[in-house]
């Protein structure tokens, strides 16, 4: 009887443990903590004129406890009519639990349309073309908007 009970406990533990691993494997491992825009001097700003530079700051944090992970952060800016006006990236490695600030800057063209621009921030494990079936997003996509005036 004691052996059957031990086997049952072992089986339940194994099922719970494997289910936990599966949940972690399918969950995001990076959190985009915050996203903001500034001018070139670091002053918070959300309204820009044509010809000005926009700096997109992203603070990201590894949700893994002990394991480091490589990341690729992509910033993509869209005009009011959904045309890509800027696309940039940065990459690196996050230690378990580490939080860093990173980002990308771009100049608004002198002839850019005015209106509300959407900026999307992605965190992936690398480039899809290189990783193929191993490619995956590491966080939810975040968006922020700016206004461009003449």
C-alpha atoms as a PDB file:
ATOM      1  CA  UNK A   1       0.000   0.000   0.000  1.00  0.00           C
ATOM      2  CA  UNK A   2       2.807   2.436   0.880  1.00  0.00           C
ATOM      3  CA  UNK A   3       4.476   1.828  -2.495  1.00  0.00           C
ATOM      4  CA  UNK A   4       1.231   2.602  -4.360  1.00  0.00           C
ATOM      5  CA  UNK A   5       0.841   5.821  -2.378  1.00  0.00           C
ATOM      6  CA  UNK A   6       4.438   6.851  -3.153  1.00  0.00           C
ATOM      7  CA  UNK A   7       3.890   6.107  -6.849  1.00  0.00           C
ATOM      8  CA  UNK A   8       0.698   8.180  -6.832  1.00  0.00           C
ATOM      9  CA  UNK A   9       2.458  11.101  -5.143  1.00  0.00           C
ATOM     10  CA  UNK A  10       5.378  10.824  -7.584  1.00  0.00           C
ATOM     11  CA  UNK A  11       2.980  10.704 -10.547  1.00  0.00           C
ATOM     12  CA  UNK A  12       1.013  13.735  -9.327  1.00  0.00           C
ATOM     13  CA  UNK A  13       4.239  15.681  -8.705  1.00  0.00           C
ATOM     14  CA  UNK A  14       5.564  14.751 -12.153  1.00  0.00           C
ATOM     15  CA  UNK A  15       2.321  15.825 -13.873  1.00  0.00           C
ATOM     16  CA  UNK A  16       2.264  19.107 -11.932  1.00  0.00           C
ATOM     17  CA  UNK A  17       5.949  19.761 -12.638  1.00  0.00           C
ATOM     18  CA  UNK A  18       5.640  19.060 -16.365  1.00  0.00           C
ATOM     19  CA  UNK A  19       2.490  21.194 -16.577  1.00  0.00           C
ATOM     20  CA  UNK A  20       4.367  24.038 -14.876  1.00  0.00           C
ATOM     21  CA  UNK A  21       7.224  23.761 -17.359  1.00  0.00           C
ATOM     22  CA  UNK A  22       4.748  23.853 -20.249  1.00  0.00           C
ATOM     23  CA  UNK A  23       3.069  26.983 -18.859  1.00  0.00           C
ATOM     24  CA  UNK A  24       6.428  28.742 -18.505  1.00  0.00           C
ATOM     25  CA  UNK A  25       7.505  27.592 -21.971  1.00  0.00           C
ATOM     26  CA  UNK A  26       4.418  29.174 -23.549  1.00  0.00           C
ATOM     27  CA  UNK A  27       4.523  32.401 -21.506  1.00  0.00           C
ATOM     28  CA  UNK A  28       6.361  35.608 -22.322  1.00  0.00           C
ATOM     29  CA  UNK A  29       9.760  35.865 -20.671  1.00  0.00           C
ATOM     30  CA  UNK A  30      10.310  39.613 -21.049  1.00  0.00           C
ATOM     31  CA  UNK A  31       8.115  42.470 -19.884  1.00  0.00           C
ATOM     32  CA  UNK A  32       8.109  45.891 -21.494  1.00  0.00           C
ATOM     33  CA  UNK A  33       7.944  47.872 -18.264  1.00  0.00           C
ATOM     34  CA  UNK A  34       7.563  51.319 -19.837  1.00  0.00           C
ATOM     35  CA  UNK A  35       7.793  53.198 -23.118  1.00  0.00           C
ATOM     36  CA  UNK A  36       8.210  56.947 -23.522  1.00  0.00           C
ATOM     37  CA  UNK A  37       9.313  59.521 -26.079  1.00  0.00           C
ATOM     38  CA  UNK A  38      11.721  62.409 -25.594  1.00  0.00           C
ATOM     39  CA  UNK A  39      13.606  64.990 -27.593  1.00  0.00           C
ATOM     40  CA  UNK A  40      17.363  64.687 -28.203  1.00  0.00           C
ATOM     41  CA  UNK A  41      18.137  66.272 -24.821  1.00  0.00           C
ATOM     42  CA  UNK A  42      16.036  63.698 -22.942  1.00  0.00           C
ATOM     43  CA  UNK A  43      13.075  65.973 -22.222  1.00  0.00           C
ATOM     44  CA  UNK A  44       9.745  64.080 -22.192  1.00  0.00           C
ATOM     45  CA  UNK A  45       7.815  65.017 -25.303  1.00  0.00           C
ATOM     46  CA  UNK A  46       4.870  63.686 -27.329  1.00  0.00           C
ATOM     47  CA  UNK A  47       4.311  66.547 -29.812  1.00  0.00           C
ATOM     48  CA  UNK A  48       6.987  66.973 -32.471  1.00  0.00           C
ATOM     49  CA  UNK A  49       7.441  69.209 -35.511  1.00  0.00           C
ATOM     50  CA  UNK A  50       8.542  67.976 -38.912  1.00  0.00           C
ATOM     51  CA  UNK A  51      12.336  67.744 -39.023  1.00  0.00           C
ATOM     52  CA  UNK A  52      12.697  67.024 -35.286  1.00  0.00           C
ATOM     53  CA  UNK A  53      14.216  63.903 -33.765  1.00  0.00           C
ATOM     54  CA  UNK A  54      12.140  61.486 -31.712  1.00  0.00           C
ATOM     55  CA  UNK A  55      13.837  59.278 -29.143  1.00  0.00           C
ATOM     56  CA  UNK A  56      11.848  56.200 -28.129  1.00  0.00           C
ATOM     57  CA  UNK A  57      12.889  54.860 -24.724  1.00  0.00           C
ATOM     58  CA  UNK A  58      11.899  51.360 -23.641  1.00  0.00           C
ATOM     59  CA  UNK A  59      12.531  49.781 -20.266  1.00  0.00           C
ATOM     60  CA  UNK A  60      12.467  45.976 -20.451  1.00  0.00           C
ATOM     61  CA  UNK A  61      12.814  43.331 -17.756  1.00  0.00           C
ATOM     62  CA  UNK A  62      13.601  39.625 -17.875  1.00  0.00           C
ATOM     63  CA  UNK A  63      10.922  37.565 -16.151  1.00  0.00           C
ATOM     64  CA  UNK A  64      13.259  34.603 -15.919  1.00  0.00           C
ATOM     65  CA  UNK A  65      14.840  34.091 -12.522  1.00  0.00           C
ATOM     66  CA  UNK A  66      18.160  32.390 -13.196  1.00  0.00           C
ATOM     67  CA  UNK A  67      18.555  32.109 -16.937  1.00  0.00           C
ATOM     68  CA  UNK A  68      19.934  34.782 -19.268  1.00  0.00           C
ATOM     69  CA  UNK A  69      18.317  35.355 -22.643  1.00  0.00           C
ATOM     70  CA  UNK A  70      19.174  37.169 -25.847  1.00  0.00           C
ATOM     71  CA  UNK A  71      16.693  39.737 -27.110  1.00  0.00           C
ATOM     72  CA  UNK A  72      15.998  41.822 -30.192  1.00  0.00           C
ATOM     73  CA  UNK A  73      14.029  45.010 -29.520  1.00  0.00           C
ATOM     74  CA  UNK A  74      12.381  46.542 -32.579  1.00  0.00           C
ATOM     75  CA  UNK A  75      10.866  50.029 -32.788  1.00  0.00           C
ATOM     76  CA  UNK A  76       8.593  50.707 -35.753  1.00  0.00           C
ATOM     77  CA  UNK A  77       6.905  54.073 -36.351  1.00  0.00           C
ATOM     78  CA  UNK A  78       3.813  54.458 -38.547  1.00  0.00           C
ATOM     79  CA  UNK A  79       2.353  57.614 -40.114  1.00  0.00           C
ATOM     80  CA  UNK A  80      -1.361  58.378 -39.694  1.00  0.00           C
ATOM     81  CA  UNK A  81      -2.014  56.464 -42.953  1.00  0.00           C
ATOM     82  CA  UNK A  82      -0.084  53.378 -41.679  1.00  0.00           C
ATOM     83  CA  UNK A  83       3.104  53.828 -43.707  1.00  0.00           C
ATOM     84  CA  UNK A  84       6.339  52.864 -41.959  1.00  0.00           C
ATOM     85  CA  UNK A  85       8.358  56.021 -41.430  1.00  0.00           C
ATOM     86  CA  UNK A  86      11.071  54.555 -39.188  1.00  0.00           C
ATOM     87  CA  UNK A  87      12.317  51.110 -38.257  1.00  0.00           C
ATOM     88  CA  UNK A  88      15.176  50.457 -35.892  1.00  0.00           C
ATOM     89  CA  UNK A  89      16.439  47.821 -33.537  1.00  0.00           C
ATOM     90  CA  UNK A  90      18.807  47.057 -30.722  1.00  0.00           C
ATOM     91  CA  UNK A  91      19.847  43.704 -29.342  1.00  0.00           C
ATOM     92  CA  UNK A  92      21.590  42.303 -26.318  1.00  0.00           C
ATOM     93  CA  UNK A  93      21.326  39.833 -23.491  1.00  0.00           C
ATOM     94  CA  UNK A  94      19.320  40.049 -20.283  1.00  0.00           C
ATOM     95  CA  UNK A  95      20.432  38.243 -17.133  1.00  0.00           C
ATOM     96  CA  UNK A  96      17.715  36.622 -15.053  1.00  0.00           C
ATOM     97  CA  UNK A  97      15.592  39.360 -13.431  1.00  0.00           C
ATOM     98  CA  UNK A  98      17.627  42.155 -15.060  1.00  0.00           C
ATOM     99  CA  UNK A  99      15.930  45.401 -16.096  1.00  0.00           C
ATOM    100  CA  UNK A 100      17.507  47.699 -18.686  1.00  0.00           C
ATOM    101  CA  UNK A 101      16.662  50.851 -20.615  1.00  0.00           C
ATOM    102  CA  UNK A 102      17.218  50.898 -24.354  1.00  0.00           C
ATOM    103  CA  UNK A 103      15.647  52.428 -27.415  1.00  0.00           C
ATOM    104  CA  UNK A 104      15.930  53.977 -30.820  1.00  0.00           C
ATOM    105  CA  UNK A 105      15.813  57.479 -32.311  1.00  0.00           C
ATOM    106  CA  UNK A 106      14.641  58.748 -35.682  1.00  0.00           C
ATOM    107  CA  UNK A 107      14.155  62.009 -37.531  1.00  0.00           C
ATOM    108  CA  UNK A 108      10.726  63.018 -38.774  1.00  0.00           C
ATOM    109  CA  UNK A 109      11.125  63.944 -42.457  1.00  0.00           C
ATOM    110  CA  UNK A 110      10.500  67.583 -43.410  1.00  0.00           C
ATOM    111  CA  UNK A 111       7.678  66.496 -45.736  1.00  0.00           C
ATOM    112  CA  UNK A 112       6.057  63.991 -43.337  1.00  0.00           C
ATOM    113  CA  UNK A 113       2.285  64.134 -42.944  1.00  0.00           C
ATOM    114  CA  UNK A 114       0.946  65.766 -39.804  1.00  0.00           C
ATOM    115  CA  UNK A 115      -1.254  63.906 -37.343  1.00  0.00           C
ATOM    116  CA  UNK A 116      -1.056  61.025 -34.892  1.00  0.00           C
ATOM    117  CA  UNK A 117       1.754  58.505 -35.373  1.00  0.00           C
ATOM    118  CA  UNK A 118       1.751  55.052 -33.795  1.00  0.00           C
ATOM    119  CA  UNK A 119       5.016  53.605 -32.540  1.00  0.00           C
ATOM    120  CA  UNK A 120       5.133  49.861 -31.890  1.00  0.00           C
ATOM    121  CA  UNK A 121       7.726  48.142 -29.731  1.00  0.00           C
ATOM    122  CA  UNK A 122       8.452  44.427 -30.138  1.00  0.00           C
ATOM    123  CA  UNK A 123      10.801  42.156 -28.187  1.00  0.00           C
ATOM    124  CA  UNK A 124      11.772  38.935 -29.970  1.00  0.00           C
ATOM    125  CA  UNK A 125      14.399  36.261 -29.446  1.00  0.00           C
ATOM    126  CA  UNK A 126      16.052  37.205 -32.762  1.00  0.00           C
ATOM    127  CA  UNK A 127      15.324  37.640 -36.448  1.00  0.00           C
ATOM    128  CA  UNK A 128      12.617  35.319 -37.864  1.00  0.00           C
ATOM    129  CA  UNK A 129      14.592  34.755 -41.081  1.00  0.00           C
ATOM    130  CA  UNK A 130      17.565  33.470 -39.083  1.00  0.00           C
ATOM    131  CA  UNK A 131      15.759  31.514 -36.356  1.00  0.00           C
ATOM    132  CA  UNK A 132      13.071  29.955 -38.543  1.00  0.00           C
ATOM    133  CA  UNK A 133      10.836  27.708 -36.439  1.00  0.00           C
ATOM    134  CA  UNK A 134      12.683  28.699 -33.245  1.00  0.00           C
ATOM    135  CA  UNK A 135      11.648  32.358 -33.571  1.00  0.00           C
ATOM    136  CA  UNK A 136       9.261  33.674 -30.929  1.00  0.00           C
ATOM    137  CA  UNK A 137       8.103  36.912 -29.376  1.00  0.00           C
ATOM    138  CA  UNK A 138       9.447  37.390 -25.849  1.00  0.00           C
ATOM    139  CA  UNK A 139       6.852  39.987 -24.794  1.00  0.00           C
ATOM    140  CA  UNK A 140       3.545  41.490 -25.719  1.00  0.00           C
ATOM    141  CA  UNK A 141       3.779  44.285 -28.284  1.00  0.00           C
ATOM    142  CA  UNK A 142       3.467  47.778 -26.796  1.00  0.00           C
ATOM    143  CA  UNK A 143       2.283  50.922 -28.575  1.00  0.00           C
ATOM    144  CA  UNK A 144       2.684  54.618 -27.918  1.00  0.00           C
ATOM    145  CA  UNK A 145       1.556  57.596 -29.993  1.00  0.00           C
ATOM    146  CA  UNK A 146       3.052  60.960 -30.849  1.00  0.00           C
ATOM    147  CA  UNK A 147       1.610  63.934 -32.671  1.00  0.00           C
ATOM    148  CA  UNK A 148       3.462  65.498 -35.583  1.00  0.00           C
ATOM    149  CA  UNK A 149       2.747  69.125 -36.441  1.00  0.00           C
ATOM    150  CA  UNK A 150       4.011  71.385 -39.212  1.00  0.00           C
END
